[in-house]
PDB file of all heavy atoms in Angstrom:
ATOM      1  N   GLU A   1       0.828  -1.205   0.000  1.00  0.00           N
ATOM      2  CA  GLU A   1       0.000   0.000   0.000  1.00  0.00           C
ATOM      3  C   GLU A   1       0.866   1.261   0.000  1.00  0.00           C
ATOM      4  O   GLU A   1       0.591   2.223  -0.716  1.00  0.00           O
ATOM      5  CB  GLU A   1      -0.909   0.013   1.226  1.00  0.00           C
ATOM      6  CG  GLU A   1      -2.038  -0.990   1.189  1.00  0.00           C
ATOM      7  CD  GLU A   1      -2.842  -0.951   2.471  1.00  0.00           C
ATOM      8  OE1 GLU A   1      -2.293  -1.264   3.531  1.00  0.00           O
ATOM      9  OE2 GLU A   1      -4.033  -0.597   2.400  1.00  0.00           O
ATOM     10  N   LEU A   2       1.909   1.239   0.813  1.00  0.00           N
ATOM     11  CA  LEU A   2       2.788   2.403   0.864  1.00  0.00           C
ATOM     12  C   LEU A   2       3.455   2.636  -0.486  1.00  0.00           C
ATOM     13  O   LEU A   2       3.603   3.772  -0.938  1.00  0.00           O
ATOM     14  CB  LEU A   2       3.836   2.203   1.952  1.00  0.00           C
ATOM     15  CG  LEU A   2       3.307   2.170   3.394  1.00  0.00           C
ATOM     16  CD1 LEU A   2       4.419   1.779   4.351  1.00  0.00           C
ATOM     17  CD2 LEU A   2       2.717   3.510   3.787  1.00  0.00           C
ATOM     18  N   GLY A   3       3.856   1.556  -1.146  1.00  0.00           N
ATOM     19  CA  GLY A   3       4.483   1.694  -2.453  1.00  0.00           C
ATOM     20  C   GLY A   3       3.550   2.312  -3.477  1.00  0.00           C
ATOM     21  O   GLY A   3       3.975   3.087  -4.335  1.00  0.00           O
ATOM     22  N   GLU A   4       2.268   1.992  -3.394  1.00  0.00           N
ATOM     23  CA  GLU A   4       1.302   2.540  -4.345  1.00  0.00           C
ATOM     24  C   GLU A   4       1.180   4.055  -4.232  1.00  0.00           C
ATOM     25  O   GLU A   4       0.879   4.741  -5.204  1.00  0.00           O
ATOM     26  CB  GLU A   4      -0.064   1.885  -4.127  1.00  0.00           C
ATOM     27  CG  GLU A   4      -0.122   0.431  -4.566  1.00  0.00           C
ATOM     28  CD  GLU A   4      -1.448  -0.221  -4.216  1.00  0.00           C
ATOM     29  OE1 GLU A   4      -2.319   0.491  -3.654  1.00  0.00           O
ATOM     30  OE2 GLU A   4      -1.605  -1.412  -4.487  1.00  0.00           O
ATOM     31  N   ILE A   5       1.398   4.609  -3.046  1.00  0.00           N
ATOM     32  CA  ILE A   5       1.287   6.058  -2.873  1.00  0.00           C
ATOM     33  C   ILE A   5       2.655   6.740  -2.900  1.00  0.00           C
ATOM     34  O   ILE A   5       2.764   7.932  -2.667  1.00  0.00           O
ATOM     35  CB  ILE A   5       0.555   6.419  -1.566  1.00  0.00           C
ATOM     36  CG1 ILE A   5       1.310   5.885  -0.343  1.00  0.00           C
ATOM     37  CG2 ILE A   5      -0.873   5.898  -1.593  1.00  0.00           C
ATOM     38  CD1 ILE A   5       0.716   6.318   0.980  1.00  0.00           C
ATOM     39  N   GLY A   6       3.711   5.952  -3.183  1.00  0.00           N
ATOM     40  CA  GLY A   6       5.032   6.553  -3.328  1.00  0.00           C
ATOM     41  C   GLY A   6       5.792   6.733  -2.035  1.00  0.00           C
ATOM     42  O   GLY A   6       6.709   7.551  -1.965  1.00  0.00           O
ATOM     43  N   LEU A   7       5.448   5.985  -0.995  1.00  0.00           N
ATOM     44  CA  LEU A   7       6.126   6.109   0.294  1.00  0.00           C
ATOM     45  C   LEU A   7       6.947   4.854   0.570  1.00  0.00           C
ATOM     46  O   LEU A   7       6.378   3.771   0.745  1.00  0.00           O
ATOM     47  CB  LEU A   7       5.096   6.315   1.418  1.00  0.00           C
ATOM     48  CG  LEU A   7       5.659   6.427   2.833  1.00  0.00           C
ATOM     49  CD1 LEU A   7       6.486   7.694   2.974  1.00  0.00           C
ATOM     50  CD2 LEU A   7       4.534   6.427   3.858  1.00  0.00           C
ATOM     51  N   PRO A   8       8.273   4.940   0.593  1.00  0.00           N
ATOM     52  CA  PRO A   8       9.088   3.772   0.955  1.00  0.00           C
ATOM     53  C   PRO A   8       8.790   3.342   2.388  1.00  0.00           C
ATOM     54  O   PRO A   8       8.268   4.131   3.184  1.00  0.00           O
ATOM     55  CB  PRO A   8      10.534   4.296   0.832  1.00  0.00           C
ATOM     56  CG  PRO A   8      10.434   5.541   0.006  1.00  0.00           C
ATOM     57  CD  PRO A   8       9.092   6.124   0.302  1.00  0.00           C
ATOM     58  N   PRO A   9       9.092   2.101   2.748  1.00  0.00           N
ATOM     59  CA  PRO A   9       8.894   1.676   4.137  1.00  0.00           C
ATOM     60  C   PRO A   9       9.537   2.683   5.088  1.00  0.00           C
ATOM     61  O   PRO A   9      10.718   3.023   4.925  1.00  0.00           O
ATOM     62  CB  PRO A   9       9.590   0.312   4.193  1.00  0.00           C
ATOM     63  CG  PRO A   9       9.499  -0.193   2.795  1.00  0.00           C
ATOM     64  CD  PRO A   9       9.630   1.018   1.911  1.00  0.00           C
ATOM     65  N   PRO A  10       8.810   3.197   6.067  1.00  0.00           N
ATOM     66  CA  PRO A  10       9.290   4.329   6.879  1.00  0.00           C
ATOM     67  C   PRO A  10      10.213   3.903   8.028  1.00  0.00           C
ATOM     68  O   PRO A  10       9.901   4.102   9.196  1.00  0.00           O
ATOM     69  CB  PRO A  10       7.989   4.943   7.394  1.00  0.00           C
ATOM     70  CG  PRO A  10       7.060   3.774   7.514  1.00  0.00           C
ATOM     71  CD  PRO A  10       7.402   2.852   6.369  1.00  0.00           C
ATOM     72  N   PHE A  11      11.369   3.367   7.674  1.00  0.00           N
ATOM     73  CA  PHE A  11      12.328   2.977   8.708  1.00  0.00           C
ATOM     74  C   PHE A  11      12.758   4.177   9.551  1.00  0.00           C
ATOM     75  O   PHE A  11      13.125   4.031  10.722  1.00  0.00           O
ATOM     76  CB  PHE A  11      13.561   2.334   8.066  1.00  0.00           C
ATOM     77  CG  PHE A  11      13.257   1.071   7.310  1.00  0.00           C
ATOM     78  CD1 PHE A  11      13.499   0.982   5.958  1.00  0.00           C
ATOM     79  CD2 PHE A  11      12.721  -0.029   7.954  1.00  0.00           C
ATOM     80  CE1 PHE A  11      13.215  -0.183   5.250  1.00  0.00           C
ATOM     81  CE2 PHE A  11      12.431  -1.193   7.272  1.00  0.00           C
ATOM     82  CZ  PHE A  11      12.675  -1.276   5.911  1.00  0.00           C
ATOM     83  N   TRP A  12      12.726   5.366   8.958  1.00  0.00           N
ATOM     84  CA  TRP A  12      13.123   6.590   9.643  1.00  0.00           C
ATOM     85  C   TRP A  12      12.158   6.985  10.752  1.00  0.00           C
ATOM     86  O   TRP A  12      12.469   7.853  11.564  1.00  0.00           O
ATOM     87  CB  TRP A  12      13.197   7.746   8.629  1.00  0.00           C
ATOM     88  CG  TRP A  12      11.964   7.841   7.788  1.00  0.00           C
ATOM     89  CD1 TRP A  12      11.765   7.284   6.561  1.00  0.00           C
ATOM     90  CD2 TRP A  12      10.744   8.503   8.125  1.00  0.00           C
ATOM     91  NE1 TRP A  12      10.497   7.567   6.112  1.00  0.00           N
ATOM     92  CE2 TRP A  12       9.850   8.309   7.050  1.00  0.00           C
ATOM     93  CE3 TRP A  12      10.326   9.247   9.232  1.00  0.00           C
ATOM     94  CZ2 TRP A  12       8.559   8.828   7.065  1.00  0.00           C
ATOM     95  CZ3 TRP A  12       9.040   9.759   9.248  1.00  0.00           C
ATOM     96  CH2 TRP A  12       8.175   9.551   8.163  1.00  0.00           C
ATOM     97  N   ALA A  13      10.979   6.367  10.792  1.00  0.00           N
ATOM     98  CA  ALA A  13       9.934   6.786  11.728  1.00  0.00           C
ATOM     99  C   ALA A  13       9.986   6.056  13.058  1.00  0.00           C
ATOM    100  O   ALA A  13       9.118   6.266  13.911  1.00  0.00           O
ATOM    101  CB  ALA A  13       8.560   6.579  11.090  1.00  0.00           C
ATOM    102  N   PHE A  14      11.007   5.237  13.260  1.00  0.00           N
ATOM    103  CA  PHE A  14      11.110   4.445  14.482  1.00  0.00           C
ATOM    104  C   PHE A  14      12.517   4.532  15.051  1.00  0.00           C
ATOM    105  O   PHE A  14      13.492   4.619  14.303  1.00  0.00           O
ATOM    106  CB  PHE A  14      10.757   2.978  14.200  1.00  0.00           C
ATOM    107  CG  PHE A  14       9.394   2.804  13.599  1.00  0.00           C
ATOM    108  CD1 PHE A  14       9.232   2.691  12.230  1.00  0.00           C
ATOM    109  CD2 PHE A  14       8.266   2.779  14.406  1.00  0.00           C
ATOM    110  CE1 PHE A  14       7.974   2.552  11.663  1.00  0.00           C
ATOM    111  CE2 PHE A  14       7.002   2.645  13.852  1.00  0.00           C
ATOM    112  CZ  PHE A  14       6.854   2.528  12.473  1.00  0.00           C
ATOM    113  N   ALA A  15      12.605   4.487  16.370  1.00  0.00           N
ATOM    114  CA  ALA A  15      13.902   4.433  17.039  1.00  0.00           C
ATOM    115  C   ALA A  15      14.233   2.963  17.272  1.00  0.00           C
ATOM    116  O   ALA A  15      13.857   2.375  18.287  1.00  0.00           O
ATOM    117  CB  ALA A  15      13.858   5.206  18.356  1.00  0.00           C
ATOM    118  N   TRP A  16      14.935   2.361  16.320  1.00  0.00           N
ATOM    119  CA  TRP A  16      15.230   0.931  16.364  1.00  0.00           C
ATOM    120  C   TRP A  16      16.212   0.624  17.486  1.00  0.00           C
ATOM    121  O   TRP A  16      16.982   1.480  17.921  1.00  0.00           O
ATOM    122  CB  TRP A  16      15.785   0.479  15.019  1.00  0.00           C
ATOM    123  CG  TRP A  16      14.806   0.695  13.905  1.00  0.00           C
ATOM    124  CD1 TRP A  16      14.700   1.800  13.117  1.00  0.00           C
ATOM    125  CD2 TRP A  16      13.775  -0.200  13.488  1.00  0.00           C
ATOM    126  NE1 TRP A  16      13.662   1.647  12.220  1.00  0.00           N
ATOM    127  CE2 TRP A  16      13.077   0.433  12.424  1.00  0.00           C
ATOM    128  CE3 TRP A  16      13.375  -1.472  13.898  1.00  0.00           C
ATOM    129  CZ2 TRP A  16      12.001  -0.167  11.777  1.00  0.00           C
ATOM    130  CZ3 TRP A  16      12.308  -2.076  13.245  1.00  0.00           C
ATOM    131  CH2 TRP A  16      11.640  -1.426  12.204  1.00  0.00           C
ATOM    132  N   ALA A  17      16.186  -0.620  17.936  1.00  0.00           N
ATOM    133  CA  ALA A  17      16.960  -1.003  19.121  1.00  0.00           C
ATOM    134  C   ALA A  17      18.457  -0.762  18.938  1.00  0.00           C
ATOM    135  O   ALA A  17      19.127  -0.250  19.841  1.00  0.00           O
ATOM    136  CB  ALA A  17      16.697  -2.472  19.453  1.00  0.00           C
ATOM    137  N   GLY A  18      19.003  -1.149  17.775  1.00  0.00           N
ATOM    138  CA  GLY A  18      20.435  -0.967  17.556  1.00  0.00           C
ATOM    139  C   GLY A  18      20.842   0.492  17.581  1.00  0.00           C
ATOM    140  O   GLY A  18      21.894   0.856  18.123  1.00  0.00           O
ATOM    141  N   GLY A  19      20.016   1.342  16.985  1.00  0.00           N
ATOM    142  CA  GLY A  19      20.302   2.770  17.000  1.00  0.00           C
ATOM    143  C   GLY A  19      20.213   3.367  18.393  1.00  0.00           C
ATOM    144  O   GLY A  19      21.039   4.207  18.782  1.00  0.00           O
ATOM    145  N   GLN A  20      19.218   2.947  19.170  1.00  0.00           N
ATOM    146  CA  GLN A  20      19.113   3.444  20.538  1.00  0.00           C
ATOM    147  C   GLN A  20      20.334   3.061  21.366  1.00  0.00           C
ATOM    148  O   GLN A  20      20.889   3.891  22.102  1.00  0.00           O
ATOM    149  CB  GLN A  20      17.849   2.900  21.212  1.00  0.00           C
ATOM    150  CG  GLN A  20      16.552   3.506  20.723  1.00  0.00           C
ATOM    151  CD  GLN A  20      15.415   3.237  21.696  1.00  0.00           C
ATOM    152  OE1 GLN A  20      15.475   3.600  22.873  1.00  0.00           O
ATOM    153  NE2 GLN A  20      14.372   2.586  21.208  1.00  0.00           N
ATOM    154  N   ALA A  21      20.759   1.803  21.259  1.00  0.00           N
ATOM    155  CA  ALA A  21      21.924   1.359  22.023  1.00  0.00           C
ATOM    156  C   ALA A  21      23.173   2.119  21.612  1.00  0.00           C
ATOM    157  O   ALA A  21      23.970   2.550  22.464  1.00  0.00           O
ATOM    158  CB  ALA A  21      22.127  -0.147  21.835  1.00  0.00           C
ATOM    159  N   LEU A  22      23.359   2.301  20.310  1.00  0.00           N
ATOM    160  CA  LEU A  22      24.545   2.991  19.825  1.00  0.00           C
ATOM    161  C   LEU A  22      24.532   4.460  20.246  1.00  0.00           C
ATOM    162  O   LEU A  22      25.560   5.015  20.661  1.00  0.00           O
ATOM    163  CB  LEU A  22      24.612   2.857  18.299  1.00  0.00           C
ATOM    164  CG  LEU A  22      25.915   3.233  17.605  1.00  0.00           C
ATOM    165  CD1 LEU A  22      27.119   2.562  18.248  1.00  0.00           C
ATOM    166  CD2 LEU A  22      25.825   2.880  16.121  1.00  0.00           C
ATOM    167  N   ALA A  23      23.372   5.105  20.167  1.00  0.00           N
ATOM    168  CA  ALA A  23      23.260   6.497  20.610  1.00  0.00           C
ATOM    169  C   ALA A  23      23.553   6.616  22.103  1.00  0.00           C
ATOM    170  O   ALA A  23      24.242   7.547  22.544  1.00  0.00           O
ATOM    171  CB  ALA A  23      21.866   7.030  20.288  1.00  0.00           C
ATOM    172  N   ARG A  24      23.022   5.677  22.889  1.00  0.00           N
ATOM    173  CA  ARG A  24      23.282   5.695  24.330  1.00  0.00           C
ATOM    174  C   ARG A  24      24.780   5.543  24.626  1.00  0.00           C
ATOM    175  O   ARG A  24      25.335   6.230  25.485  1.00  0.00           O
ATOM    176  CB  ARG A  24      22.504   4.561  24.999  1.00  0.00           C
ATOM    177  CG  ARG A  24      22.632   4.442  26.511  1.00  0.00           C
ATOM    178  CD  ARG A  24      21.851   5.535  27.215  1.00  0.00           C
ATOM    179  NE  ARG A  24      22.652   6.728  27.470  1.00  0.00           N
ATOM    180  CZ  ARG A  24      22.128   7.948  27.587  1.00  0.00           C
ATOM    181  NH1 ARG A  24      20.830   8.154  27.453  1.00  0.00           N
ATOM    182  NH2 ARG A  24      22.908   8.976  27.810  1.00  0.00           N
ATOM    183  N   TYR A  25      25.423   4.634  23.905  1.00  0.00           N
ATOM    184  CA  TYR A  25      26.856   4.421  24.102  1.00  0.00           C
ATOM    185  C   TYR A  25      27.645   5.681  23.777  1.00  0.00           C
ATOM    186  O   TYR A  25      28.547   6.078  24.524  1.00  0.00           O
ATOM    187  CB  TYR A  25      27.339   3.256  23.234  1.00  0.00           C
ATOM    188  CG  TYR A  25      28.798   2.937  23.433  1.00  0.00           C
ATOM    189  CD1 TYR A  25      29.208   2.122  24.481  1.00  0.00           C
ATOM    190  CD2 TYR A  25      29.768   3.469  22.591  1.00  0.00           C
ATOM    191  CE1 TYR A  25      30.546   1.845  24.681  1.00  0.00           C
ATOM    192  CE2 TYR A  25      31.112   3.198  22.789  1.00  0.00           C
ATOM    193  CZ  TYR A  25      31.492   2.383  23.837  1.00  0.00           C
ATOM    194  OH  TYR A  25      32.827   2.128  24.044  1.00  0.00           O
ATOM    195  N   ILE A  26      27.304   6.333  22.676  1.00  0.00           N
ATOM    196  CA  ILE A  26      28.020   7.549  22.269  1.00  0.00           C
ATOM    197  C   ILE A  26      27.842   8.654  23.311  1.00  0.00           C
ATOM    198  O   ILE A  26      28.798   9.348  23.681  1.00  0.00           O
ATOM    199  CB  ILE A  26      27.527   8.014  20.884  1.00  0.00           C
ATOM    200  CG1 ILE A  26      27.894   6.987  19.808  1.00  0.00           C
ATOM    201  CG2 ILE A  26      28.081   9.389  20.541  1.00  0.00           C
ATOM    202  CD1 ILE A  26      29.371   6.725  19.680  1.00  0.00           C
ATOM    203  N   LEU A  27      26.624   8.831  23.801  1.00  0.00           N
ATOM    204  CA  LEU A  27      26.380   9.884  24.783  1.00  0.00           C
ATOM    205  C   LEU A  27      27.082   9.591  26.104  1.00  0.00           C
ATOM    206  O   LEU A  27      27.542  10.512  26.786  1.00  0.00           O
ATOM    207  CB  LEU A  27      24.876  10.052  25.009  1.00  0.00           C
ATOM    208  CG  LEU A  27      24.112  10.680  23.838  1.00  0.00           C
ATOM    209  CD1 LEU A  27      22.609  10.576  24.073  1.00  0.00           C
ATOM    210  CD2 LEU A  27      24.522  12.133  23.636  1.00  0.00           C
ATOM    211  N   ASP A  28      27.179   8.323  26.469  1.00  0.00           N
ATOM    212  CA  ASP A  28      27.852   7.951  27.714  1.00  0.00           C
ATOM    213  C   ASP A  28      29.368   7.903  27.579  1.00  0.00           C
ATOM    214  O   ASP A  28      30.082   7.929  28.585  1.00  0.00           O
ATOM    215  CB  ASP A  28      27.347   6.587  28.196  1.00  0.00           C
ATOM    216  CG  ASP A  28      25.913   6.638  28.695  1.00  0.00           C
ATOM    217  OD1 ASP A  28      25.404   7.757  28.933  1.00  0.00           O
ATOM    218  OD2 ASP A  28      25.292   5.566  28.832  1.00  0.00           O
ATOM    219  N   HIS A  29      29.854   7.821  26.335  1.00  0.00           N
ATOM    220  CA  HIS A  29      31.292   7.777  26.061  1.00  0.00           C
ATOM    221  C   HIS A  29      31.630   8.803  24.978  1.00  0.00           C
ATOM    222  O   HIS A  29      32.035   8.444  23.860  1.00  0.00           O
ATOM    223  CB  HIS A  29      31.708   6.367  25.628  1.00  0.00           C
ATOM    224  CG  HIS A  29      31.360   5.305  26.629  1.00  0.00           C
ATOM    225  ND1 HIS A  29      32.169   4.999  27.695  1.00  0.00           N
ATOM    226  CD2 HIS A  29      30.262   4.515  26.741  1.00  0.00           C
ATOM    227  CE1 HIS A  29      31.601   4.041  28.422  1.00  0.00           C
ATOM    228  NE2 HIS A  29      30.447   3.732  27.863  1.00  0.00           N
ATOM    229  N   PRO A  30      31.470  10.085  25.272  1.00  0.00           N
ATOM    230  CA  PRO A  30      31.631  11.118  24.242  1.00  0.00           C
ATOM    231  C   PRO A  30      33.025  11.159  23.634  1.00  0.00           C
ATOM    232  O   PRO A  30      33.189  11.641  22.503  1.00  0.00           O
ATOM    233  CB  PRO A  30      31.307  12.415  24.993  1.00  0.00           C
ATOM    234  CG  PRO A  30      31.516  12.093  26.440  1.00  0.00           C
ATOM    235  CD  PRO A  30      31.126  10.659  26.588  1.00  0.00           C
ATOM    236  N   GLU A  31      34.009  10.625  24.350  1.00  0.00           N
ATOM    237  CA  GLU A  31      35.362  10.597  23.791  1.00  0.00           C
ATOM    238  C   GLU A  31      35.432   9.755  22.518  1.00  0.00           C
ATOM    239  O   GLU A  31      36.373   9.886  21.725  1.00  0.00           O
ATOM    240  CB  GLU A  31      36.350  10.060  24.827  1.00  0.00           C
ATOM    241  CG  GLU A  31      36.208   8.585  25.201  1.00  0.00           C
ATOM    242  CD  GLU A  31      35.095   8.292  26.196  1.00  0.00           C
ATOM    243  OE1 GLU A  31      34.411   9.242  26.627  1.00  0.00           O
ATOM    244  OE2 GLU A  31      34.916   7.111  26.548  1.00  0.00           O
ATOM    245  N   THR A  32      34.448   8.907  22.297  1.00  0.00           N
ATOM    246  CA  THR A  32      34.392   8.091  21.080  1.00  0.00           C
ATOM    247  C   THR A  32      34.327   8.954  19.822  1.00  0.00           C
ATOM    248  O   THR A  32      34.884   8.595  18.780  1.00  0.00           O
ATOM    249  CB  THR A  32      33.157   7.162  21.136  1.00  0.00           C
ATOM    250  OG1 THR A  32      33.203   6.395  22.339  1.00  0.00           O
ATOM    251  CG2 THR A  32      33.120   6.220  19.945  1.00  0.00           C
ATOM    252  N   VAL A  33      33.658  10.103  19.924  1.00  0.00           N
ATOM    253  CA  VAL A  33      33.447  10.935  18.736  1.00  0.00           C
ATOM    254  C   VAL A  33      33.936  12.372  18.895  1.00  0.00           C
ATOM    255  O   VAL A  33      33.993  13.113  17.904  1.00  0.00           O
ATOM    256  CB  VAL A  33      31.948  10.971  18.354  1.00  0.00           C
ATOM    257  CG1 VAL A  33      31.432   9.581  18.019  1.00  0.00           C
ATOM    258  CG2 VAL A  33      31.107  11.595  19.473  1.00  0.00           C
ATOM    259  N   ARG A  34      34.280  12.785  20.090  1.00  0.00           N
ATOM    260  CA  ARG A  34      34.586  14.197  20.330  1.00  0.00           C
ATOM    261  C   ARG A  34      35.709  14.690  19.419  1.00  0.00           C
ATOM    262  O   ARG A  34      36.790  14.096  19.352  1.00  0.00           O
ATOM    263  CB  ARG A  34      34.977  14.418  21.793  1.00  0.00           C
ATOM    264  CG  ARG A  34      35.169  15.901  22.143  1.00  0.00           C
ATOM    265  CD  ARG A  34      35.659  16.068  23.567  1.00  0.00           C
ATOM    266  NE  ARG A  34      34.637  15.653  24.524  1.00  0.00           N
ATOM    267  CZ  ARG A  34      34.835  14.729  25.456  1.00  0.00           C
ATOM    268  NH1 ARG A  34      36.015  14.127  25.552  1.00  0.00           N
ATOM    269  NH2 ARG A  34      33.860  14.419  26.293  1.00  0.00           N
ATOM    270  N   GLY A  35      35.437  15.765  18.684  1.00  0.00           N
ATOM    271  CA  GLY A  35      36.428  16.364  17.797  1.00  0.00           C
ATOM    272  C   GLY A  35      36.703  15.575  16.535  1.00  0.00           C
ATOM    273  O   GLY A  35      37.614  15.939  15.776  1.00  0.00           O
ATOM    274  N   ARG A  36      35.918  14.540  16.272  1.00  0.00           N
ATOM    275  CA  ARG A  36      36.192  13.660  15.136  1.00  0.00           C
ATOM    276  C   ARG A  36      35.161  13.845  14.014  1.00  0.00           C
ATOM    277  O   ARG A  36      34.059  14.339  14.225  1.00  0.00           O
ATOM    278  CB  ARG A  36      36.212  12.200  15.596  1.00  0.00           C
ATOM    279  CG  ARG A  36      37.252  11.923  16.681  1.00  0.00           C
ATOM    280  CD  ARG A  36      37.271  10.468  17.081  1.00  0.00           C
ATOM    281  NE  ARG A  36      38.142  10.243  18.229  1.00  0.00           N
ATOM    282  CZ  ARG A  36      39.458  10.077  18.154  1.00  0.00           C
ATOM    283  NH1 ARG A  36      40.047  10.106  16.965  1.00  0.00           N
ATOM    284  NH2 ARG A  36      40.168   9.888  19.237  1.00  0.00           N
ATOM    285  N   ARG A  37      35.559  13.396  12.818  1.00  0.00           N
ATOM    286  CA  ARG A  37      34.681  13.408  11.654  1.00  0.00           C
ATOM    287  C   ARG A  37      33.914  12.089  11.636  1.00  0.00           C
ATOM    288  O   ARG A  37      34.514  11.024  11.599  1.00  0.00           O
ATOM    289  CB  ARG A  37      35.502  13.572  10.386  1.00  0.00           C
ATOM    290  CG  ARG A  37      36.328  14.867  10.356  1.00  0.00           C
ATOM    291  CD  ARG A  37      37.428  14.809   9.315  1.00  0.00           C
ATOM    292  NE  ARG A  37      38.427  13.784   9.646  1.00  0.00           N
ATOM    293  CZ  ARG A  37      39.499  13.512   8.910  1.00  0.00           C
ATOM    294  NH1 ARG A  37      39.718  14.193   7.786  1.00  0.00           N
ATOM    295  NH2 ARG A  37      40.345  12.567   9.276  1.00  0.00           N
ATOM    296  N   VAL A  38      32.577  12.181  11.658  1.00  0.00           N
ATOM    297  CA  VAL A  38      31.739  11.017  11.931  1.00  0.00           C
ATOM    298  C   VAL A  38      30.779  10.761  10.779  1.00  0.00           C
ATOM    299  O   VAL A  38      30.200  11.691  10.209  1.00  0.00           O
ATOM    300  CB  VAL A  38      30.948  11.222  13.240  1.00  0.00           C
ATOM    301  CG1 VAL A  38      29.983  10.065  13.490  1.00  0.00           C
ATOM    302  CG2 VAL A  38      31.904  11.382  14.422  1.00  0.00           C
ATOM    303  N   LEU A  39      30.585   9.477  10.455  1.00  0.00           N
ATOM    304  CA  LEU A  39      29.533   9.033   9.545  1.00  0.00           C
ATOM    305  C   LEU A  39      28.505   8.242  10.330  1.00  0.00           C
ATOM    306  O   LEU A  39      28.847   7.289  11.032  1.00  0.00           O
ATOM    307  CB  LEU A  39      30.102   8.152   8.433  1.00  0.00           C
ATOM    308  CG  LEU A  39      29.048   7.454   7.553  1.00  0.00           C
ATOM    309  CD1 LEU A  39      28.265   8.460   6.721  1.00  0.00           C
ATOM    310  CD2 LEU A  39      29.702   6.400   6.652  1.00  0.00           C
ATOM    311  N   ASP A  40      27.232   8.628  10.214  1.00  0.00           N
ATOM    312  CA  ASP A  40      26.115   7.815  10.679  1.00  0.00           C
ATOM    313  C   ASP A  40      25.543   7.139   9.447  1.00  0.00           C
ATOM    314  O   ASP A  40      24.857   7.763   8.638  1.00  0.00           O
ATOM    315  CB  ASP A  40      25.080   8.704  11.380  1.00  0.00           C
ATOM    316  CG  ASP A  40      23.828   7.934  11.801  1.00  0.00           C
ATOM    317  OD1 ASP A  40      23.838   6.692  11.757  1.00  0.00           O
ATOM    318  OD2 ASP A  40      22.832   8.606  12.175  1.00  0.00           O
ATOM    319  N   PHE A  41      25.845   5.847   9.267  1.00  0.00           N
ATOM    320  CA  PHE A  41      25.459   5.113   8.068  1.00  0.00           C
ATOM    321  C   PHE A  41      24.053   4.546   8.210  1.00  0.00           C
ATOM    322  O   PHE A  41      23.682   4.036   9.264  1.00  0.00           O
ATOM    323  CB  PHE A  41      26.445   3.967   7.807  1.00  0.00           C
ATOM    324  CG  PHE A  41      26.010   3.054   6.710  1.00  0.00           C
ATOM    325  CD1 PHE A  41      26.014   3.484   5.393  1.00  0.00           C
ATOM    326  CD2 PHE A  41      25.558   1.767   6.986  1.00  0.00           C
ATOM    327  CE1 PHE A  41      25.592   2.649   4.368  1.00  0.00           C
ATOM    328  CE2 PHE A  41      25.140   0.926   5.972  1.00  0.00           C
ATOM    329  CZ  PHE A  41      25.155   1.369   4.659  1.00  0.00           C
ATOM    330  N   ALA A  42      23.257   4.615   7.110  1.00  0.00           N
ATOM    331  CA  ALA A  42      21.855   4.181   7.133  1.00  0.00           C
ATOM    332  C   ALA A  42      21.153   4.861   8.292  1.00  0.00           C
ATOM    333  O   ALA A  42      20.559   4.233   9.165  1.00  0.00           O
ATOM    334  CB  ALA A  42      21.750   2.659   7.224  1.00  0.00           C
TER     335      ALA A  42
END
């Protein structure tokens, strides 16, 4: 149904478990990214 109206599956509309865990880790360990050039893939 979503494809018929031109809407790809809305993966962006949910906070998936892997992303939540990774975000939590980064916030609790800011030295992981501080001052660095970062890619958030997918």
